[in-house]
Amino acid sequence: MPAKRLHLVRHGEVHNPSRVLYGRLPDYHLSKAGRRMAQAAADHVGSLERPVSALYSSPLERAQESAEPFAARFDLVPEIDIRVIEPTNVFEGTQMRRSLMNPMNWWHLRQPSLPSWGEPYTSIAERMLGAMDEAWTAADDGDVVVVSHQAPIWITHLRVAGLPLRHDPRTRRCALSSVTSFERVGDVWREVAYAEPAATDGAVDVGAV
C-alpha cells in the first residue's frame, strides 16, 4: 500500500557564527539549539500518533543530524536521497550582505524568476516531487518523513498550491524544524498541514539558506 501522509521537515539551526551562506558546503553541523529543534520536530510528528514507515534525508550533515531523532523515535534507518538536497547557489561560501555590495555580483541577480543565482526553481520542484512520488509509492503504508531544506520545501509548497515559483526568499513560511505535510490523491499532491513545533526565538541562523 502507498503512504498515508508525507512530511517535509526542515533541518534545525546550524552552527554558523560567521553567517556564511553555506549551501552545499560540507562540515556545517547543527548547533546545540538545532539539535533541540530537530528533537521537537520528531516529537511533534510522534504526537500525531500516526505510524511512520519510512525516513529519507538530504545528504548534507545538517539534514542527516536532524533525521537522527526521527530514526530513534520510529526505529528507522534514514535513506539518503540526493534529490532533496539544497539548491546550488553562486553565493555559496560568502556573506550575502557583503556579496551584494559588490557590483560585480549584481549580474547574478539579473533574472530572479529563474533564479539566475542558482538552480532553476522548476528543477527544484521537479526533483522534489519526483522524490516524493517514489517515497509515497514505495512506502509500506504509514507516513513518510523527508528531512530537507528551506528552499526545496517552500518551492514544493508553491508548486503544489499552483502558485508562481518566483518569490522573495525572505518571505518563505518554512521555519527551522518546521513540518509541512502532504497527501496524494491519485497523482495530485495537496498540502494538509504546517507546524512549527520548535522554539526558534533565540536562533542565530534562521536565514534562507
Protein backbone atom coordinates (compact mmCIF):
# COMPACT_ATOMS: atom_id res chain seq x y z
CA MET A 1 0.00 0.00 0.00
CA PRO A 2 1.19 3.58 -0.59
CA ALA A 3 1.87 6.02 2.20
CA LYS A 4 -0.85 7.86 4.10
CA ARG A 5 0.92 11.20 4.56
CA LEU A 6 4.31 12.67 3.73
CA HIS A 7 6.04 15.22 5.98
CA LEU A 8 8.74 17.55 4.65
CA VAL A 9 10.84 18.57 7.65
CA ARG A 10 13.35 21.40 7.55
CA HIS A 11 16.62 20.85 9.42
CA GLY A 12 17.37 22.60 12.70
CA GLU A 13 19.64 25.58 13.32
CA VAL A 14 23.20 25.26 12.02
CA HIS A 15 26.26 26.40 13.96
CA ASN A 16 27.22 29.30 11.72
CA PRO A 17 28.69 32.19 13.74
CA SER A 18 30.19 33.78 10.62
CA ARG A 19 26.76 33.91 8.95
CA VAL A 20 28.04 32.27 5.78
CA LEU A 21 25.61 31.12 3.12
CA TYR A 22 26.77 27.52 3.36
CA GLY A 23 24.57 25.92 0.70
CA ARG A 24 26.05 22.52 -0.13
CA LEU A 25 29.37 23.11 1.63
CA PRO A 26 30.47 20.25 3.91
CA ASP A 27 31.03 20.38 7.67
CA TYR A 28 28.14 22.62 8.63
CA HIS A 29 26.54 20.87 11.59
CA LEU A 30 23.60 21.55 13.88
CA SER A 31 24.10 23.83 16.82
CA LYS A 32 23.03 22.67 20.28
CA ALA A 33 19.80 24.59 19.77
CA GLY A 34 19.44 22.99 16.36
CA ARG A 35 19.54 19.52 17.88
CA ARG A 36 16.78 20.53 20.30
CA MET A 37 14.76 21.83 17.36
CA ALA A 38 15.19 18.57 15.48
CA GLN A 39 14.03 16.65 18.53
CA ALA A 40 10.98 18.93 18.79
CA ALA A 41 10.09 18.15 15.18
CA ALA A 42 10.34 14.42 15.81
CA ASP A 43 8.28 14.76 18.98
CA HIS A 44 5.63 16.67 17.05
CA VAL A 45 5.32 14.01 14.37
CA GLY A 46 5.23 11.37 17.09
CA SER A 47 2.43 13.23 18.88
CA LEU A 48 0.26 12.86 15.79
CA GLU A 49 0.05 9.16 16.70
CA ARG A 50 0.46 8.13 13.09
CA PRO A 51 2.80 5.25 12.21
CA VAL A 52 5.91 6.35 10.29
CA SER A 53 7.19 3.67 7.95
CA ALA A 54 9.98 5.43 6.02
CA LEU A 55 12.59 8.13 6.63
CA TYR A 56 14.59 9.99 3.99
CA SER A 57 17.23 12.70 4.30
CA SER A 58 19.26 15.09 2.21
CA PRO A 59 22.93 14.03 2.20
CA LEU A 60 24.08 17.25 3.91
CA GLU A 61 25.20 16.90 7.52
CA ARG A 62 22.61 19.25 8.97
CA ALA A 63 19.80 17.23 7.42
CA GLN A 64 21.21 13.86 8.47
CA GLU A 65 21.67 15.12 12.02
CA SER A 66 18.07 16.43 12.00
CA ALA A 67 16.91 12.97 10.90
CA GLU A 68 18.52 11.26 13.90
CA PRO A 69 15.67 11.94 16.38
CA PHE A 70 13.19 10.53 13.86
CA ALA A 71 15.34 7.43 13.37
CA ALA A 72 15.48 6.87 17.13
CA ARG A 73 11.81 7.52 17.77
CA PHE A 74 10.44 5.40 14.94
CA ASP A 75 13.21 2.79 14.81
CA LEU A 76 14.07 3.57 11.19
CA VAL A 77 17.27 3.79 9.18
CA PRO A 78 17.33 7.02 7.13
CA GLU A 79 17.73 6.63 3.39
CA ILE A 80 19.79 9.34 1.69
CA ASP A 81 18.14 10.94 -1.34
CA ILE A 82 20.24 13.44 -3.30
CA ARG A 83 17.08 14.88 -4.86
CA VAL A 84 16.04 16.62 -1.64
CA ILE A 85 19.35 18.47 -1.25
CA GLU A 86 19.85 22.25 -1.01
CA PRO A 87 19.90 24.02 -4.41
CA THR A 88 23.14 25.28 -5.90
CA ASN A 89 23.93 28.95 -5.32
CA VAL A 90 26.75 31.10 -6.73
CA PHE A 91 26.95 32.97 -3.42
CA GLU A 92 27.76 29.77 -1.52
CA GLY A 93 30.59 30.30 0.95
CA THR A 94 30.09 34.07 1.16
CA GLN A 95 28.33 36.50 3.46
CA MET A 96 25.34 37.64 1.42
CA ARG A 97 25.23 41.24 2.58
CA ARG A 98 28.86 41.72 1.71
CA SER A 99 28.48 39.96 -1.64
CA LEU A 100 25.52 42.09 -2.64
CA MET A 101 27.50 45.27 -2.02
CA ASN A 102 29.91 44.25 -4.79
CA PRO A 103 28.64 45.48 -8.21
CA MET A 104 30.45 42.57 -9.87
CA ASN A 105 27.90 40.23 -8.28
CA TRP A 106 24.81 42.09 -9.48
CA TRP A 107 24.87 40.13 -12.75
CA HIS A 108 23.79 37.07 -10.80
CA LEU A 109 20.58 38.86 -9.80
CA ARG A 110 19.54 39.72 -13.36
CA GLN A 111 16.70 37.17 -13.60
CA PRO A 112 15.17 36.40 -10.19
CA SER A 113 12.33 34.42 -11.76
CA LEU A 114 14.73 31.54 -12.63
CA PRO A 115 16.66 32.35 -10.37
CA SER A 116 19.86 33.42 -12.13
CA TRP A 117 22.00 32.89 -8.98
CA GLY A 118 21.45 29.15 -8.78
CA GLU A 119 19.40 26.10 -9.68
CA PRO A 120 16.16 26.96 -11.52
CA TYR A 121 13.04 26.79 -9.40
CA THR A 122 11.44 24.43 -11.93
CA SER A 123 14.33 22.00 -11.48
CA ILE A 124 13.96 22.08 -7.70
CA ALA A 125 10.23 21.41 -7.94
CA GLU A 126 10.66 18.52 -10.37
CA ARG A 127 13.31 16.70 -8.33
CA MET A 128 11.42 17.19 -5.07
CA LEU A 129 8.15 15.91 -6.48
CA GLY A 130 9.97 13.01 -8.10
CA ALA A 131 11.45 12.03 -4.74
CA MET A 132 8.07 12.42 -3.05
CA ASP A 133 6.30 10.31 -5.66
CA GLU A 134 8.79 7.48 -5.27
CA ALA A 135 8.78 7.62 -1.48
CA TRP A 136 4.97 7.59 -1.48
CA THR A 137 4.59 4.54 -3.67
CA ALA A 138 7.47 2.65 -2.02
CA ALA A 139 6.07 3.05 1.49
CA ASP A 140 4.60 0.08 3.30
CA ASP A 141 1.56 2.04 4.44
CA GLY A 142 2.04 4.62 7.23
CA ASP A 143 3.62 8.07 6.94
CA VAL A 144 6.88 9.14 5.33
CA VAL A 145 9.30 11.75 6.73
CA VAL A 146 11.71 13.59 4.43
CA VAL A 147 14.30 15.88 6.03
CA SER A 148 15.26 18.61 3.60
CA HIS A 149 15.95 22.35 3.39
CA GLN A 150 14.03 25.59 3.33
CA ALA A 151 14.17 26.37 -0.40
CA PRO A 152 13.15 22.91 -1.66
CA ILE A 153 10.31 22.68 0.84
CA TRP A 154 8.98 26.14 0.01
CA ILE A 155 9.25 25.56 -3.74
CA THR A 156 7.30 22.32 -3.27
CA HIS A 157 4.63 24.24 -1.36
CA LEU A 158 4.34 26.77 -4.19
CA ARG A 159 4.16 24.12 -6.92
CA VAL A 160 1.55 22.04 -5.09
CA ALA A 161 -0.52 25.17 -4.40
CA GLY A 162 -0.36 26.17 -8.06
CA LEU A 163 1.39 29.45 -7.22
CA PRO A 164 4.21 31.15 -9.18
CA LEU A 165 7.60 29.78 -8.19
CA ARG A 166 9.21 33.22 -8.27
CA HIS A 167 9.32 34.66 -4.78
CA ASP A 168 11.34 36.71 -2.29
CA PRO A 169 13.37 34.21 -0.20
CA ARG A 170 12.81 36.43 2.85
CA THR A 171 9.07 35.71 2.74
CA ARG A 172 9.25 31.90 2.95
CA ARG A 173 6.98 30.25 5.50
CA CYS A 174 9.37 27.47 6.43
CA ALA A 175 10.85 27.89 9.90
CA LEU A 176 13.68 25.84 11.32
CA SER A 177 12.50 22.27 12.05
CA SER A 178 9.06 23.08 10.66
CA VAL A 179 6.88 20.27 9.35
CA THR A 180 4.96 20.72 6.08
CA SER A 181 2.63 17.78 5.45
CA PHE A 182 1.15 16.48 2.22
CA GLU A 183 -1.19 13.80 0.98
CA ARG A 184 -1.52 12.44 -2.55
CA VAL A 185 -4.88 11.62 -4.10
CA GLY A 186 -4.27 9.77 -7.34
CA ASP A 187 -1.42 11.69 -8.92
CA VAL A 188 -2.29 15.00 -7.26
CA TRP A 189 -0.48 16.31 -4.17
CA ARG A 190 -2.20 18.56 -1.67
CA GLU A 191 -0.81 20.26 1.42
CA VAL A 192 -2.73 19.32 4.54
CA ALA A 193 -0.81 20.84 7.47
CA TYR A 194 2.03 23.09 8.52
CA ALA A 195 3.54 23.20 12.02
CA GLU A 196 6.39 24.98 13.79
CA PRO A 197 6.97 22.77 16.84
CA ALA A 198 10.44 24.11 17.69
CA ALA A 199 11.18 27.25 19.67
CA THR A 200 13.31 29.40 17.33
CA ASP A 201 13.13 32.82 19.03
CA GLY A 202 16.76 32.67 20.13
CA ALA A 203 18.09 31.19 16.91
CA VAL A 204 21.07 32.94 15.32
CA ASP A 205 20.96 31.26 11.93
CA VAL A 206 17.43 31.49 10.54
CA GLY A 207 18.11 32.74 7.02
CA ALA A 208 17.00 31.46 3.66
CA VAL A 209 19.92 29.07 3.20
